[in-house]
């Protein structure tokens, strides 16, 4: 009785399709250093759009008095963040905020080696947005920045930024972790919190919750009144949120949180190194 010769199986993909699949696999590999430029560009572009909406509200309001309400000004960046997470979160995780990048790293959901690059491009994107707005509207970027309210101290603004950022980063870490991971629906939670925080918390500090969001207009206008508030407050708030996450859910680094921090919106079957 002769053994049956195995019939060679042909790949269902042709040469072009295999090449395309190769490219997709390389892009999706978050640990592939050759793809880091895509993630950095995503953060730069996302932060650019965020600050375009956030700073644009104040600058447009000054150029066209009475046209943009306070409600519209604080809701616009919230909706922008929601949209960015949905359309670009798969690439970089859509941090858009140095405090968020630091929080993910403290939580062991994001490599520290990538934090400096993310922060630099976030600051660049925010500054470019403020410069573009100034060039188009011809209004100083000071009207798009955040400063402690008249009659309130820098410390009062600091505490407000700390509290608001604690809530924001808690929402981000919570919706990106373990059983609480809700995938793309997390975009609605994050966007909703930003809008709600702005509606009640912005009169004292502007509800920045993001060092890049305030740094960009400050650098474009070369005005740095109370600048330390908008660095120290959000970063301190992010650190507090990491402690809260530890109390609620234990140590970080679970598969779903790693995936969400590194760009995976569908993390149920997340594998290390893949997004």
C-alpha atoms as a PDB file:
ATOM      1  CA  UNK A   1       0.000   0.000   0.000  1.00  0.00           C
ATOM      2  CA  UNK A   2       1.588   3.291  -1.084  1.00  0.00           C
ATOM      3  CA  UNK A   3       1.520   6.373   1.071  1.00  0.00           C
ATOM      4  CA  UNK A   4      -0.621   9.177  -0.231  1.00  0.00           C
ATOM      5  CA  UNK A   5       1.531  12.116  -1.234  1.00  0.00           C
ATOM      6  CA  UNK A   6       0.486  15.308   0.563  1.00  0.00           C
ATOM      7  CA  UNK A   7      -0.973  17.853  -1.785  1.00  0.00           C
ATOM      8  CA  UNK A   8       0.758  21.237  -1.359  1.00  0.00           C
ATOM      9  CA  UNK A   9      -1.674  23.929  -0.290  1.00  0.00           C
ATOM     10  CA  UNK A  10      -1.563  27.205  -2.126  1.00  0.00           C
ATOM     11  CA  UNK A  11      -1.766  30.462  -0.249  1.00  0.00           C
ATOM     12  CA  UNK A  12      -5.208  32.030  -0.722  1.00  0.00           C
ATOM     13  CA  UNK A  13      -3.464  35.390  -1.059  1.00  0.00           C
ATOM     14  CA  UNK A  14      -1.730  36.511  -4.205  1.00  0.00           C
ATOM     15  CA  UNK A  15       1.641  38.333  -4.144  1.00  0.00           C
ATOM     16  CA  UNK A  16       0.038  41.802  -3.970  1.00  0.00           C
ATOM     17  CA  UNK A  17      -2.394  40.765  -1.229  1.00  0.00           C
ATOM     18  CA  UNK A  18       0.437  39.163   0.764  1.00  0.00           C
ATOM     19  CA  UNK A  19       2.450  42.387   0.476  1.00  0.00           C
ATOM     20  CA  UNK A  20      -0.520  44.449   1.665  1.00  0.00           C
ATOM     21  CA  UNK A  21      -1.069  42.082   4.590  1.00  0.00           C
ATOM     22  CA  UNK A  22       2.622  42.380   5.452  1.00  0.00           C
ATOM     23  CA  UNK A  23       2.347  46.173   5.564  1.00  0.00           C
ATOM     24  CA  UNK A  24      -0.786  46.009   7.743  1.00  0.00           C
ATOM     25  CA  UNK A  25       0.881  43.572  10.155  1.00  0.00           C
ATOM     26  CA  UNK A  26       3.905  45.841  10.498  1.00  0.00           C
ATOM     27  CA  UNK A  27       1.709  48.877  11.155  1.00  0.00           C
ATOM     28  CA  UNK A  28      -0.319  46.979  13.757  1.00  0.00           C
ATOM     29  CA  UNK A  29       2.795  45.824  15.601  1.00  0.00           C
ATOM     30  CA  UNK A  30       3.089  48.461  18.330  1.00  0.00           C
ATOM     31  CA  UNK A  31       6.559  47.204  19.276  1.00  0.00           C
ATOM     32  CA  UNK A  32       7.911  47.730  15.765  1.00  0.00           C
ATOM     33  CA  UNK A  33      10.151  50.821  16.090  1.00  0.00           C
ATOM     34  CA  UNK A  34       9.873  51.477  12.358  1.00  0.00           C
ATOM     35  CA  UNK A  35       6.195  52.331  12.881  1.00  0.00           C
ATOM     36  CA  UNK A  36       6.749  54.808  15.712  1.00  0.00           C
ATOM     37  CA  UNK A  37       6.579  57.731  13.297  1.00  0.00           C
ATOM     38  CA  UNK A  38       2.958  56.829  12.515  1.00  0.00           C
ATOM     39  CA  UNK A  39       2.028  56.929  16.174  1.00  0.00           C
ATOM     40  CA  UNK A  40       3.869  60.199  16.757  1.00  0.00           C
ATOM     41  CA  UNK A  41       2.187  61.774  13.732  1.00  0.00           C
ATOM     42  CA  UNK A  42      -1.172  60.548  15.039  1.00  0.00           C
ATOM     43  CA  UNK A  43      -0.551  62.226  18.409  1.00  0.00           C
ATOM     44  CA  UNK A  44       0.608  65.443  16.757  1.00  0.00           C
ATOM     45  CA  UNK A  45      -2.416  65.600  14.455  1.00  0.00           C
ATOM     46  CA  UNK A  46      -4.867  64.628  17.185  1.00  0.00           C
ATOM     47  CA  UNK A  47      -3.540  67.246  19.610  1.00  0.00           C
ATOM     48  CA  UNK A  48      -3.576  69.813  16.802  1.00  0.00           C
ATOM     49  CA  UNK A  49      -7.295  69.246  16.231  1.00  0.00           C
ATOM     50  CA  UNK A  50      -8.028  69.207  19.966  1.00  0.00           C
ATOM     51  CA  UNK A  51      -6.348  72.575  20.570  1.00  0.00           C
ATOM     52  CA  UNK A  52      -7.843  73.964  17.365  1.00  0.00           C
ATOM     53  CA  UNK A  53     -11.270  73.429  18.956  1.00  0.00           C
ATOM     54  CA  UNK A  54     -10.298  74.248  22.554  1.00  0.00           C
ATOM     55  CA  UNK A  55      -8.338  77.444  21.879  1.00  0.00           C
ATOM     56  CA  UNK A  56     -10.469  78.323  18.873  1.00  0.00           C
ATOM     57  CA  UNK A  57     -13.543  78.776  21.027  1.00  0.00           C
ATOM     58  CA  UNK A  58     -11.991  81.606  23.038  1.00  0.00           C
ATOM     59  CA  UNK A  59     -10.274  83.228  20.073  1.00  0.00           C
ATOM     60  CA  UNK A  60     -13.386  83.100  17.889  1.00  0.00           C
ATOM     61  CA  UNK A  61     -15.465  84.437  20.762  1.00  0.00           C
ATOM     62  CA  UNK A  62     -13.167  87.461  20.982  1.00  0.00           C
ATOM     63  CA  UNK A  63     -13.273  88.021  17.227  1.00  0.00           C
ATOM     64  CA  UNK A  64     -17.057  87.572  17.038  1.00  0.00           C
ATOM     65  CA  UNK A  65     -18.541  88.651  20.392  1.00  0.00           C
ATOM     66  CA  UNK A  66     -21.760  86.941  21.373  1.00  0.00           C
ATOM     67  CA  UNK A  67     -21.543  84.237  18.713  1.00  0.00           C
ATOM     68  CA  UNK A  68     -19.973  81.419  20.770  1.00  0.00           C
ATOM     69  CA  UNK A  69     -21.468  80.670  24.190  1.00  0.00           C
ATOM     70  CA  UNK A  70     -19.607  79.244  27.163  1.00  0.00           C
ATOM     71  CA  UNK A  71     -21.472  75.960  26.678  1.00  0.00           C
ATOM     72  CA  UNK A  72     -20.370  75.721  23.056  1.00  0.00           C
ATOM     73  CA  UNK A  73     -16.773  76.617  23.928  1.00  0.00           C
ATOM     74  CA  UNK A  74     -16.400  73.772  26.447  1.00  0.00           C
ATOM     75  CA  UNK A  75     -18.392  71.235  24.445  1.00  0.00           C
ATOM     76  CA  UNK A  76     -16.432  71.645  21.195  1.00  0.00           C
ATOM     77  CA  UNK A  77     -13.145  70.163  22.500  1.00  0.00           C
ATOM     78  CA  UNK A  78     -15.047  67.332  24.190  1.00  0.00           C
ATOM     79  CA  UNK A  79     -16.700  66.337  20.928  1.00  0.00           C
ATOM     80  CA  UNK A  80     -13.355  66.714  19.149  1.00  0.00           C
ATOM     81  CA  UNK A  81     -11.657  64.300  21.557  1.00  0.00           C
ATOM     82  CA  UNK A  82     -14.490  61.824  21.075  1.00  0.00           C
ATOM     83  CA  UNK A  83     -14.109  61.982  17.300  1.00  0.00           C
ATOM     84  CA  UNK A  84     -10.318  61.680  17.432  1.00  0.00           C
ATOM     85  CA  UNK A  85     -10.470  58.576  19.632  1.00  0.00           C
ATOM     86  CA  UNK A  86     -12.922  56.991  17.218  1.00  0.00           C
ATOM     87  CA  UNK A  87     -11.031  57.758  14.023  1.00  0.00           C
ATOM     88  CA  UNK A  88      -7.386  57.670  15.183  1.00  0.00           C
ATOM     89  CA  UNK A  89      -7.295  55.865  18.513  1.00  0.00           C
ATOM     90  CA  UNK A  90      -6.303  52.645  16.764  1.00  0.00           C
ATOM     91  CA  UNK A  91      -2.980  54.173  15.705  1.00  0.00           C
ATOM     92  CA  UNK A  92      -1.498  55.661  18.878  1.00  0.00           C
ATOM     93  CA  UNK A  93      -4.062  55.236  21.643  1.00  0.00           C
ATOM     94  CA  UNK A  94      -5.103  58.900  21.223  1.00  0.00           C
ATOM     95  CA  UNK A  95      -3.478  60.167  24.423  1.00  0.00           C
ATOM     96  CA  UNK A  96      -3.464  63.813  23.191  1.00  0.00           C
ATOM     97  CA  UNK A  97      -2.312  64.864  26.651  1.00  0.00           C
ATOM     98  CA  UNK A  98       1.057  64.557  28.441  1.00  0.00           C
ATOM     99  CA  UNK A  99      -0.755  63.802  31.703  1.00  0.00           C
ATOM    100  CA  UNK A 100      -2.491  60.814  30.080  1.00  0.00           C
ATOM    101  CA  UNK A 101       0.762  59.458  28.631  1.00  0.00           C
ATOM    102  CA  UNK A 102       2.424  59.741  32.041  1.00  0.00           C
ATOM    103  CA  UNK A 103      -0.552  58.097  33.764  1.00  0.00           C
ATOM    104  CA  UNK A 104      -0.524  55.131  31.360  1.00  0.00           C
ATOM    105  CA  UNK A 105       3.220  54.722  31.957  1.00  0.00           C
ATOM    106  CA  UNK A 106       2.826  54.912  35.752  1.00  0.00           C
ATOM    107  CA  UNK A 107       0.099  52.304  35.436  1.00  0.00           C
ATOM    108  CA  UNK A 108       2.513  50.056  33.447  1.00  0.00           C
ATOM    109  CA  UNK A 109       0.206  50.134  30.437  1.00  0.00           C
ATOM    110  CA  UNK A 110       2.589  52.139  28.235  1.00  0.00           C
ATOM    111  CA  UNK A 111       6.399  51.972  27.862  1.00  0.00           C
ATOM    112  CA  UNK A 112       8.272  54.850  29.511  1.00  0.00           C
ATOM    113  CA  UNK A 113      10.678  54.953  26.567  1.00  0.00           C
ATOM    114  CA  UNK A 114       7.857  56.247  24.361  1.00  0.00           C
ATOM    115  CA  UNK A 115       6.588  58.928  26.754  1.00  0.00           C
ATOM    116  CA  UNK A 116       9.097  61.701  25.801  1.00  0.00           C
ATOM    117  CA  UNK A 117       8.315  61.357  22.096  1.00  0.00           C
ATOM    118  CA  UNK A 118       4.573  61.482  22.724  1.00  0.00           C
ATOM    119  CA  UNK A 119       4.882  64.572  24.937  1.00  0.00           C
ATOM    120  CA  UNK A 120       7.091  66.439  22.444  1.00  0.00           C
ATOM    121  CA  UNK A 121       4.710  65.919  19.506  1.00  0.00           C
ATOM    122  CA  UNK A 122       1.697  66.771  21.678  1.00  0.00           C
ATOM    123  CA  UNK A 123       3.314  70.113  22.547  1.00  0.00           C
ATOM    124  CA  UNK A 124       4.212  70.715  18.895  1.00  0.00           C
ATOM    125  CA  UNK A 125       0.685  69.917  17.722  1.00  0.00           C
ATOM    126  CA  UNK A 126      -0.817  72.270  20.312  1.00  0.00           C
ATOM    127  CA  UNK A 127       1.548  75.103  19.355  1.00  0.00           C
ATOM    128  CA  UNK A 128       0.887  74.659  15.632  1.00  0.00           C
ATOM    129  CA  UNK A 129      -2.868  74.856  16.283  1.00  0.00           C
ATOM    130  CA  UNK A 130      -2.488  78.136  18.194  1.00  0.00           C
ATOM    131  CA  UNK A 131      -0.269  79.603  15.464  1.00  0.00           C
ATOM    132  CA  UNK A 132      -2.710  78.573  12.721  1.00  0.00           C
ATOM    133  CA  UNK A 133      -5.626  80.107  14.643  1.00  0.00           C
ATOM    134  CA  UNK A 134      -3.708  83.357  15.147  1.00  0.00           C
ATOM    135  CA  UNK A 135      -2.851  83.505  11.441  1.00  0.00           C
ATOM    136  CA  UNK A 136      -6.459  82.913  10.355  1.00  0.00           C
ATOM    137  CA  UNK A 137      -8.431  84.859  12.950  1.00  0.00           C
ATOM    138  CA  UNK A 138      -5.811  87.573  13.601  1.00  0.00           C
ATOM    139  CA  UNK A 139      -6.532  87.420  17.330  1.00  0.00           C
ATOM    140  CA  UNK A 140      -3.904  86.893  20.033  1.00  0.00           C
ATOM    141  CA  UNK A 141      -3.600  83.299  21.231  1.00  0.00           C
ATOM    142  CA  UNK A 142      -3.912  84.621  24.793  1.00  0.00           C
ATOM    143  CA  UNK A 143      -7.682  84.492  24.238  1.00  0.00           C
ATOM    144  CA  UNK A 144      -7.378  80.770  23.576  1.00  0.00           C
ATOM    145  CA  UNK A 145      -5.271  79.903  26.601  1.00  0.00           C
ATOM    146  CA  UNK A 146      -6.153  79.320  30.255  1.00  0.00           C
ATOM    147  CA  UNK A 147      -5.359  81.545  33.232  1.00  0.00           C
ATOM    148  CA  UNK A 148      -6.485  81.638  36.868  1.00  0.00           C
ATOM    149  CA  UNK A 149      -9.702  83.650  37.111  1.00  0.00           C
ATOM    150  CA  UNK A 150      -9.559  87.248  38.270  1.00  0.00           C
ATOM    151  CA  UNK A 151      -9.870  87.324  42.040  1.00  0.00           C
ATOM    152  CA  UNK A 152      -8.689  83.730  42.468  1.00  0.00           C
ATOM    153  CA  UNK A 153      -5.172  82.660  43.362  1.00  0.00           C
ATOM    154  CA  UNK A 154      -2.928  80.373  41.313  1.00  0.00           C
ATOM    155  CA  UNK A 155      -3.269  77.800  44.101  1.00  0.00           C
ATOM    156  CA  UNK A 156      -7.047  77.790  43.710  1.00  0.00           C
ATOM    157  CA  UNK A 157      -6.624  77.163  39.984  1.00  0.00           C
ATOM    158  CA  UNK A 158      -4.035  74.466  40.735  1.00  0.00           C
ATOM    159  CA  UNK A 159      -6.422  72.563  42.996  1.00  0.00           C
ATOM    160  CA  UNK A 160      -9.187  72.858  40.437  1.00  0.00           C
ATOM    161  CA  UNK A 161      -6.929  71.476  37.697  1.00  0.00           C
ATOM    162  CA  UNK A 162      -5.782  68.667  39.978  1.00  0.00           C
ATOM    163  CA  UNK A 163      -9.330  67.634  40.865  1.00  0.00           C
ATOM    164  CA  UNK A 164     -10.657  67.871  37.309  1.00  0.00           C
ATOM    165  CA  UNK A 165      -7.705  65.925  35.875  1.00  0.00           C
ATOM    166  CA  UNK A 166      -8.051  63.257  38.549  1.00  0.00           C
ATOM    167  CA  UNK A 167     -11.576  62.653  37.284  1.00  0.00           C
ATOM    168  CA  UNK A 168     -10.570  62.717  33.613  1.00  0.00           C
ATOM    169  CA  UNK A 169      -7.665  60.297  33.963  1.00  0.00           C
ATOM    170  CA  UNK A 170      -9.756  58.036  36.222  1.00  0.00           C
ATOM    171  CA  UNK A 171     -12.337  57.774  33.438  1.00  0.00           C
ATOM    172  CA  UNK A 172      -9.622  57.059  30.863  1.00  0.00           C
ATOM    173  CA  UNK A 173      -7.865  54.419  32.976  1.00  0.00           C
ATOM    174  CA  UNK A 174     -11.153  52.887  34.084  1.00  0.00           C
ATOM    175  CA  UNK A 175     -12.622  52.453  30.614  1.00  0.00           C
ATOM    176  CA  UNK A 176      -9.324  50.994  29.362  1.00  0.00           C
ATOM    177  CA  UNK A 177      -8.800  48.380  32.042  1.00  0.00           C
ATOM    178  CA  UNK A 178      -9.862  44.809  32.640  1.00  0.00           C
ATOM    179  CA  UNK A 179     -13.577  44.144  33.031  1.00  0.00           C
ATOM    180  CA  UNK A 180     -14.245  47.876  32.685  1.00  0.00           C
ATOM    181  CA  UNK A 181     -12.816  47.984  29.157  1.00  0.00           C
ATOM    182  CA  UNK A 182     -15.572  49.221  26.886  1.00  0.00           C
ATOM    183  CA  UNK A 183     -13.614  49.598  23.646  1.00  0.00           C
ATOM    184  CA  UNK A 184     -14.680  52.409  21.350  1.00  0.00           C
ATOM    185  CA  UNK A 185     -17.559  53.287  23.692  1.00  0.00           C
ATOM    186  CA  UNK A 186     -14.852  54.650  26.005  1.00  0.00           C
ATOM    187  CA  UNK A 187     -14.658  57.622  23.621  1.00  0.00           C
ATOM    188  CA  UNK A 188     -18.137  58.679  24.737  1.00  0.00           C
ATOM    189  CA  UNK A 189     -17.198  58.412  28.413  1.00  0.00           C
ATOM    190  CA  UNK A 190     -14.044  60.514  27.963  1.00  0.00           C
ATOM    191  CA  UNK A 191     -15.768  63.110  25.779  1.00  0.00           C
ATOM    192  CA  UNK A 192     -18.701  63.374  28.166  1.00  0.00           C
ATOM    193  CA  UNK A 193     -16.447  63.939  31.153  1.00  0.00           C
ATOM    194  CA  UNK A 194     -14.494  66.701  29.376  1.00  0.00           C
ATOM    195  CA  UNK A 195     -17.731  68.512  28.532  1.00  0.00           C
ATOM    196  CA  UNK A 196     -19.164  68.161  32.044  1.00  0.00           C
ATOM    197  CA  UNK A 197     -15.912  69.248  33.716  1.00  0.00           C
ATOM    198  CA  UNK A 198     -15.758  72.288  31.459  1.00  0.00           C
ATOM    199  CA  UNK A 199     -19.363  73.254  32.121  1.00  0.00           C
ATOM    200  CA  UNK A 200     -18.892  73.598  35.862  1.00  0.00           C
ATOM    201  CA  UNK A 201     -15.123  73.827  36.431  1.00  0.00           C
ATOM    202  CA  UNK A 202     -13.881  76.173  33.723  1.00  0.00           C
ATOM    203  CA  UNK A 203     -14.672  79.562  35.351  1.00  0.00           C
ATOM    204  CA  UNK A 204     -11.826  79.256  37.890  1.00  0.00           C
ATOM    205  CA  UNK A 205      -9.031  77.614  35.881  1.00  0.00           C
ATOM    206  CA  UNK A 206     -10.363  77.113  32.362  1.00  0.00           C
ATOM    207  CA  UNK A 207     -10.616  73.329  32.874  1.00  0.00           C
ATOM    208  CA  UNK A 208      -7.512  72.657  30.810  1.00  0.00           C
ATOM    209  CA  UNK A 209      -6.679  69.233  32.317  1.00  0.00           C
ATOM    210  CA  UNK A 210      -3.943  69.053  29.686  1.00  0.00           C
ATOM    211  CA  UNK A 211      -0.492  70.721  29.798  1.00  0.00           C
ATOM    212  CA  UNK A 212      -0.244  70.725  25.995  1.00  0.00           C
ATOM    213  CA  UNK A 213      -3.629  72.401  25.545  1.00  0.00           C
ATOM    214  CA  UNK A 214      -2.448  75.434  27.544  1.00  0.00           C
ATOM    215  CA  UNK A 215       1.219  75.363  26.525  1.00  0.00           C
ATOM    216  CA  UNK A 216       0.467  75.787  22.808  1.00  0.00           C
ATOM    217  CA  UNK A 217      -1.443  79.097  23.062  1.00  0.00           C
ATOM    218  CA  UNK A 218       0.979  80.326  25.751  1.00  0.00           C
ATOM    219  CA  UNK A 219       3.991  79.718  23.515  1.00  0.00           C
ATOM    220  CA  UNK A 220       2.270  81.189  20.451  1.00  0.00           C
ATOM    221  CA  UNK A 221       1.418  84.367  22.387  1.00  0.00           C
ATOM    222  CA  UNK A 222       4.577  84.312  24.540  1.00  0.00           C
ATOM    223  CA  UNK A 223       2.400  84.825  27.613  1.00  0.00           C
ATOM    224  CA  UNK A 224       2.975  82.459  30.514  1.00  0.00           C
ATOM    225  CA  UNK A 225       0.776  83.785  33.321  1.00  0.00           C
ATOM    226  CA  UNK A 226       0.265  81.017  35.892  1.00  0.00           C
ATOM    227  CA  UNK A 227       1.941  78.514  33.548  1.00  0.00           C
ATOM    228  CA  UNK A 228       3.000  76.199  36.390  1.00  0.00           C
ATOM    229  CA  UNK A 229      -0.654  75.611  37.342  1.00  0.00           C
ATOM    230  CA  UNK A 230      -1.347  73.949  34.002  1.00  0.00           C
ATOM    231  CA  UNK A 231       1.661  71.657  34.234  1.00  0.00           C
ATOM    232  CA  UNK A 232       1.673  70.744  37.919  1.00  0.00           C
ATOM    233  CA  UNK A 233      -2.104  70.471  38.324  1.00  0.00           C
ATOM    234  CA  UNK A 234      -2.805  67.962  35.519  1.00  0.00           C
ATOM    235  CA  UNK A 235       0.292  65.856  36.242  1.00  0.00           C
ATOM    236  CA  UNK A 236      -0.510  65.714  39.962  1.00  0.00           C
ATOM    237  CA  UNK A 237      -4.106  64.831  39.115  1.00  0.00           C
ATOM    238  CA  UNK A 238      -2.915  62.055  36.806  1.00  0.00           C
ATOM    239  CA  UNK A 239      -0.752  60.624  39.604  1.00  0.00           C
ATOM    240  CA  UNK A 240      -3.703  60.673  42.019  1.00  0.00           C
ATOM    241  CA  UNK A 241      -5.842  58.889  39.392  1.00  0.00           C
ATOM    242  CA  UNK A 242      -3.199  56.155  39.106  1.00  0.00           C
ATOM    243  CA  UNK A 243      -3.351  55.650  42.887  1.00  0.00           C
ATOM    244  CA  UNK A 244      -7.160  55.486  42.717  1.00  0.00           C
ATOM    245  CA  UNK A 245      -6.940  52.927  39.908  1.00  0.00           C
ATOM    246  CA  UNK A 246      -4.617  50.798  42.052  1.00  0.00           C
ATOM    247  CA  UNK A 247      -7.054  50.948  44.975  1.00  0.00           C
ATOM    248  CA  UNK A 248     -10.020  50.040  42.764  1.00  0.00           C
ATOM    249  CA  UNK A 249      -8.449  47.482  40.428  1.00  0.00           C
ATOM    250  CA  UNK A 250      -5.010  46.568  41.730  1.00  0.00           C
ATOM    251  CA  UNK A 251      -1.849  46.715  39.664  1.00  0.00           C
ATOM    252  CA  UNK A 252      -2.018  47.721  36.016  1.00  0.00           C
ATOM    253  CA  UNK A 253      -0.483  46.023  33.017  1.00  0.00           C
ATOM    254  CA  UNK A 254      -3.461  43.775  32.170  1.00  0.00           C
ATOM    255  CA  UNK A 255      -3.859  42.821  28.526  1.00  0.00           C
ATOM    256  CA  UNK A 256      -6.851  45.009  27.760  1.00  0.00           C
ATOM    257  CA  UNK A 257      -5.286  48.102  29.321  1.00  0.00           C
ATOM    258  CA  UNK A 258      -2.021  47.517  27.464  1.00  0.00           C
ATOM    259  CA  UNK A 259      -3.983  47.262  24.245  1.00  0.00           C
ATOM    260  CA  UNK A 260      -6.059  50.389  24.850  1.00  0.00           C
ATOM    261  CA  UNK A 261      -3.042  52.510  25.859  1.00  0.00           C
ATOM    262  CA  UNK A 262      -1.157  51.400  22.779  1.00  0.00           C
ATOM    263  CA  UNK A 263      -3.910  51.841  20.231  1.00  0.00           C
ATOM    264  CA  UNK A 264      -6.201  48.816  20.354  1.00  0.00           C
ATOM    265  CA  UNK A 265      -9.880  49.692  20.628  1.00  0.00           C
ATOM    266  CA  UNK A 266     -10.913  46.016  20.571  1.00  0.00           C
ATOM    267  CA  UNK A 267      -8.894  44.406  23.337  1.00  0.00           C
ATOM    268  CA  UNK A 268     -10.751  41.239  24.216  1.00  0.00           C
ATOM    269  CA  UNK A 269      -8.253  39.110  22.324  1.00  0.00           C
ATOM    270  CA  UNK A 270      -5.255  41.338  22.785  1.00  0.00           C
ATOM    271  CA  UNK A 271      -1.820  39.789  22.408  1.00  0.00           C
ATOM    272  CA  UNK A 272       1.320  41.434  23.739  1.00  0.00           C
ATOM    273  CA  UNK A 273       3.035  43.492  21.057  1.00  0.00           C
ATOM    274  CA  UNK A 274       0.000  43.615  18.798  1.00  0.00           C
ATOM    275  CA  UNK A 275      -2.558  46.369  18.499  1.00  0.00           C
END
